[in-house]
Amino acid sequence: MLRRRAQQAVEDSPAPGNDPKPQGKGRPTPKRREAEGRRRQPVTAPATRKEAYRQLRERQNSERNRAREGMLRGEERYLPARDKGPVRKFARDFVDSRRIISQYFLPFSVAILLLTWLPFPPDMRGAVNTVVLFVFWPFMMVGVLFSSVYVSWRVKKLAGEKYPGESLRGVGFYAAMRALQIRKLRFPPPQVLPGGKPVPVKK
């Protein structure tokens, strides 16, 4: 009796209709490899050896230009090993933010040579040479020596206080040699103006 009632209830229940909502996305999910393959751009190999060399030269020129621009901006990763590190940057900024006597050494030397070559009258030649060789030149050499020693000592002292965990090896000599160079010829280029203000960015 119970079996007959259960069978009759199943037969009387309405059959489920089609669900109007689609199940899933309605399409197979693409594999990861196929999706990545569609995103990739087709790479064409150079047809000739000449074309391969041309592409290589273009890449090398592009990399050199990028490195040169990075060095001109003072970016750490593009600098030579001797210019890397916070201590060396501190030394450069210290020198570049000041007008130091030693930076006029080369222009002064050229001026002295010009004085010795100018066609002075014979009665003035001896006096000019005496003043140049025994007054101007010793005065400049003493000024360069004094300023170089001071810059080397000062940079090393301040760098040690500001960067106690960094190596100070050679930083004094590094600063003194930079101070001997004409400002426009220094490399890496100065990032600060005399007085300490940053160099304005060229547009």
Protein backbone atom coordinates (compact mmCIF):
# COMPACT_ATOMS: atom_id res chain seq x y z
CA MET A 1 0.00 0.00 0.00
CA LEU A 2 2.78 2.46 0.88
CA ARG A 3 4.73 1.62 -2.30
CA ARG A 4 1.64 2.27 -4.44
CA ARG A 5 1.00 5.71 -2.83
CA ALA A 6 4.64 6.79 -3.29
CA GLN A 7 4.65 5.77 -6.95
CA GLN A 8 1.40 7.64 -7.53
CA ALA A 9 2.80 10.81 -5.90
CA VAL A 10 5.85 10.71 -8.17
CA GLU A 11 3.76 10.29 -11.27
CA ASP A 12 1.40 13.16 -10.28
CA SER A 13 4.28 15.66 -9.59
CA PRO A 14 4.89 18.11 -12.51
CA ALA A 15 7.99 17.55 -14.59
CA PRO A 16 10.61 20.34 -14.22
CA GLY A 17 10.69 22.74 -17.16
CA ASN A 18 13.78 24.27 -18.82
CA ASP A 19 15.53 26.80 -16.60
CA PRO A 20 15.56 30.14 -18.42
CA LYS A 21 18.91 31.10 -16.75
CA PRO A 22 21.96 29.69 -18.54
CA GLN A 23 24.23 27.54 -16.46
CA GLY A 24 27.85 28.81 -16.33
CA LYS A 25 29.32 31.13 -19.01
CA GLY A 26 27.93 29.20 -21.91
CA ARG A 27 31.43 28.64 -23.34
CA PRO A 28 34.54 26.72 -22.28
CA THR A 29 37.12 28.60 -20.21
CA PRO A 30 40.28 29.12 -22.28
CA LYS A 31 43.48 27.62 -20.98
CA ARG A 32 46.13 29.93 -19.55
CA ARG A 33 48.62 28.99 -22.24
CA GLU A 34 46.15 29.86 -24.99
CA ALA A 35 45.29 33.23 -23.38
CA GLU A 36 48.97 34.16 -23.03
CA GLY A 37 49.61 33.13 -26.60
CA ARG A 38 46.94 35.49 -27.88
CA ARG A 39 48.42 38.40 -25.90
CA ARG A 40 51.91 37.95 -27.26
CA GLN A 41 53.03 39.97 -30.23
CA PRO A 42 54.51 38.04 -33.10
CA VAL A 43 58.28 38.52 -33.23
CA THR A 44 59.84 38.53 -36.65
CA ALA A 45 63.49 37.54 -36.87
CA PRO A 46 65.78 39.68 -39.05
CA ALA A 47 65.86 38.39 -42.60
CA THR A 48 69.56 39.04 -43.20
CA ARG A 49 72.73 39.40 -41.16
CA LYS A 50 72.93 43.07 -42.12
CA GLU A 51 69.46 43.66 -40.70
CA ALA A 52 70.43 41.85 -37.48
CA TYR A 53 73.50 44.06 -37.08
CA ARG A 54 71.40 47.16 -37.70
CA GLN A 55 68.91 46.18 -35.00
CA LEU A 56 71.76 45.40 -32.60
CA ARG A 57 73.35 48.82 -33.19
CA GLU A 58 70.02 50.55 -32.64
CA ARG A 59 69.53 48.74 -29.31
CA GLN A 60 73.06 49.57 -28.21
CA ASN A 61 72.67 53.25 -29.15
CA SER A 62 69.37 53.39 -27.29
CA GLU A 63 70.91 51.85 -24.18
CA ARG A 64 73.92 54.22 -24.33
CA ASN A 65 71.66 57.26 -24.68
CA ARG A 66 69.52 56.09 -21.77
CA ALA A 67 72.61 55.55 -19.61
CA ARG A 68 74.05 58.95 -20.56
CA GLU A 69 70.80 60.73 -19.71
CA GLY A 70 70.67 58.86 -16.41
CA MET A 71 74.22 59.93 -15.54
CA LEU A 72 73.44 63.55 -16.42
CA ARG A 73 70.49 63.37 -14.03
CA GLY A 74 72.72 61.83 -11.36
CA GLU A 75 70.80 58.55 -11.14
CA GLU A 76 72.71 56.14 -8.91
CA ARG A 77 72.41 53.02 -11.08
CA TYR A 78 73.99 54.72 -14.11
CA LEU A 79 76.99 56.23 -12.31
CA PRO A 80 80.49 54.70 -12.43
CA ALA A 81 81.60 52.74 -9.38
CA ARG A 82 83.83 55.58 -8.12
CA ASP A 83 80.84 57.97 -7.97
CA LYS A 84 78.30 55.65 -6.34
CA GLY A 85 77.12 55.79 -2.77
CA PRO A 86 75.66 58.41 -0.41
CA VAL A 87 79.11 59.50 0.82
CA ARG A 88 80.33 60.36 -2.69
CA LYS A 89 77.10 62.23 -3.42
CA PHE A 90 77.54 64.21 -0.20
CA ALA A 91 81.10 65.09 -1.25
CA ARG A 92 79.93 66.28 -4.68
CA ASP A 93 77.14 68.40 -3.21
CA PHE A 94 79.53 69.89 -0.64
CA VAL A 95 81.96 71.01 -3.34
CA ASP A 96 79.32 72.12 -5.85
CA SER A 97 77.47 74.26 -3.30
CA ARG A 98 80.57 76.43 -2.67
CA ARG A 99 82.92 78.68 -4.60
CA ILE A 100 86.37 77.31 -3.79
CA ILE A 101 89.72 78.88 -4.71
CA SER A 102 91.04 75.69 -6.26
CA GLN A 103 88.32 75.66 -8.93
CA TYR A 104 90.00 78.70 -10.52
CA PHE A 105 93.37 76.96 -10.78
CA LEU A 106 93.08 76.03 -14.47
CA PRO A 107 91.78 79.44 -15.69
CA PHE A 108 94.46 81.18 -13.61
CA SER A 109 97.17 78.96 -15.09
CA VAL A 110 96.01 79.81 -18.62
CA ALA A 111 96.07 83.51 -17.75
CA ILE A 112 99.65 83.21 -16.46
CA LEU A 113 100.75 81.47 -19.66
CA LEU A 114 99.16 84.22 -21.75
CA LEU A 115 101.01 86.87 -19.75
CA THR A 116 104.32 85.16 -20.41
CA TRP A 117 103.58 84.91 -24.15
CA LEU A 118 102.31 88.44 -24.75
CA PRO A 119 104.75 90.63 -26.73
CA PHE A 120 105.68 93.14 -24.02
CA PRO A 121 108.41 95.68 -24.70
CA PRO A 122 111.87 94.42 -23.75
CA ASP A 123 112.14 96.78 -20.79
CA MET A 124 108.86 95.39 -19.34
CA ARG A 125 109.44 91.73 -20.08
CA GLY A 126 111.67 91.15 -17.06
CA ALA A 127 109.28 92.86 -14.64
CA VAL A 128 106.27 90.94 -15.96
CA ASN A 129 108.05 87.59 -15.68
CA THR A 130 109.19 88.44 -12.16
CA VAL A 131 105.67 89.32 -11.02
CA VAL A 132 104.13 86.24 -12.69
CA LEU A 133 106.70 83.71 -11.48
CA PHE A 134 107.38 85.06 -7.99
CA VAL A 135 104.05 86.63 -7.00
CA PHE A 136 101.03 85.34 -8.94
CA TRP A 137 102.09 81.73 -9.31
CA PRO A 138 103.18 81.11 -5.67
CA PHE A 139 100.06 82.88 -4.41
CA MET A 140 97.83 80.62 -6.51
CA MET A 141 99.67 77.45 -5.52
CA VAL A 142 99.38 78.27 -1.80
CA GLY A 143 95.66 78.98 -2.23
CA VAL A 144 95.06 75.72 -4.10
CA LEU A 145 97.02 73.69 -1.55
CA PHE A 146 95.22 75.26 1.41
CA SER A 147 91.74 74.90 -0.10
CA SER A 148 92.36 71.29 -1.16
CA VAL A 149 93.50 70.29 2.33
CA TYR A 150 90.54 72.10 3.91
CA VAL A 151 87.96 70.55 1.54
CA SER A 152 89.39 67.06 2.05
CA TRP A 153 89.38 67.38 5.85
CA ARG A 154 85.95 69.03 6.05
CA VAL A 155 84.19 66.57 3.75
CA LYS A 156 85.63 63.57 5.53
CA LYS A 157 84.64 64.94 8.94
CA LEU A 158 81.06 65.85 7.98
CA ALA A 159 80.51 62.65 6.01
CA GLY A 160 81.64 60.58 8.98
CA GLU A 161 79.12 62.36 11.20
CA LYS A 162 76.26 62.04 8.73
CA TYR A 163 76.97 58.47 7.54
CA PRO A 164 78.62 56.66 10.47
CA GLY A 165 78.18 53.20 8.90
CA GLU A 166 79.58 54.05 5.46
CA SER A 167 83.16 53.71 4.27
CA LEU A 168 85.05 57.03 4.03
CA ARG A 169 87.99 55.63 2.12
CA GLY A 170 89.19 58.10 -0.52
CA VAL A 171 86.30 60.53 -0.07
CA GLY A 172 88.59 63.40 0.95
CA PHE A 173 90.78 63.02 -2.11
CA TYR A 174 87.63 62.61 -4.24
CA ALA A 175 86.26 65.95 -3.02
CA ALA A 176 89.59 67.75 -3.42
CA MET A 177 89.98 66.57 -7.03
CA ARG A 178 86.44 67.66 -7.85
CA ALA A 179 87.16 71.08 -6.36
CA LEU A 180 90.08 71.48 -8.79
CA GLN A 181 87.80 71.11 -11.81
CA ILE A 182 85.95 73.91 -13.55
CA ARG A 183 82.32 73.71 -12.53
CA LYS A 184 80.97 73.23 -16.06
CA LEU A 185 83.40 70.35 -16.70
CA ARG A 186 82.58 68.36 -13.56
CA PHE A 187 81.14 64.90 -13.96
CA PRO A 188 78.66 63.85 -12.76
CA PRO A 189 77.20 67.31 -13.38
CA PRO A 190 76.45 69.41 -10.29
CA GLN A 191 73.01 68.89 -8.79
CA VAL A 192 73.16 72.01 -6.57
CA LEU A 193 73.99 75.65 -7.23
CA PRO A 194 76.51 77.70 -5.22
CA GLY A 195 74.62 78.37 -2.02
CA GLY A 196 72.93 74.97 -1.86
CA LYS A 197 69.82 75.41 -3.99
CA PRO A 198 69.01 72.57 -6.42
CA VAL A 199 69.89 73.05 -10.06
CA PRO A 200 66.69 73.92 -11.96
CA VAL A 201 65.46 71.21 -14.29
CA LYS A 202 65.84 72.08 -17.97
CA LYS A 203 62.61 71.84 -19.92
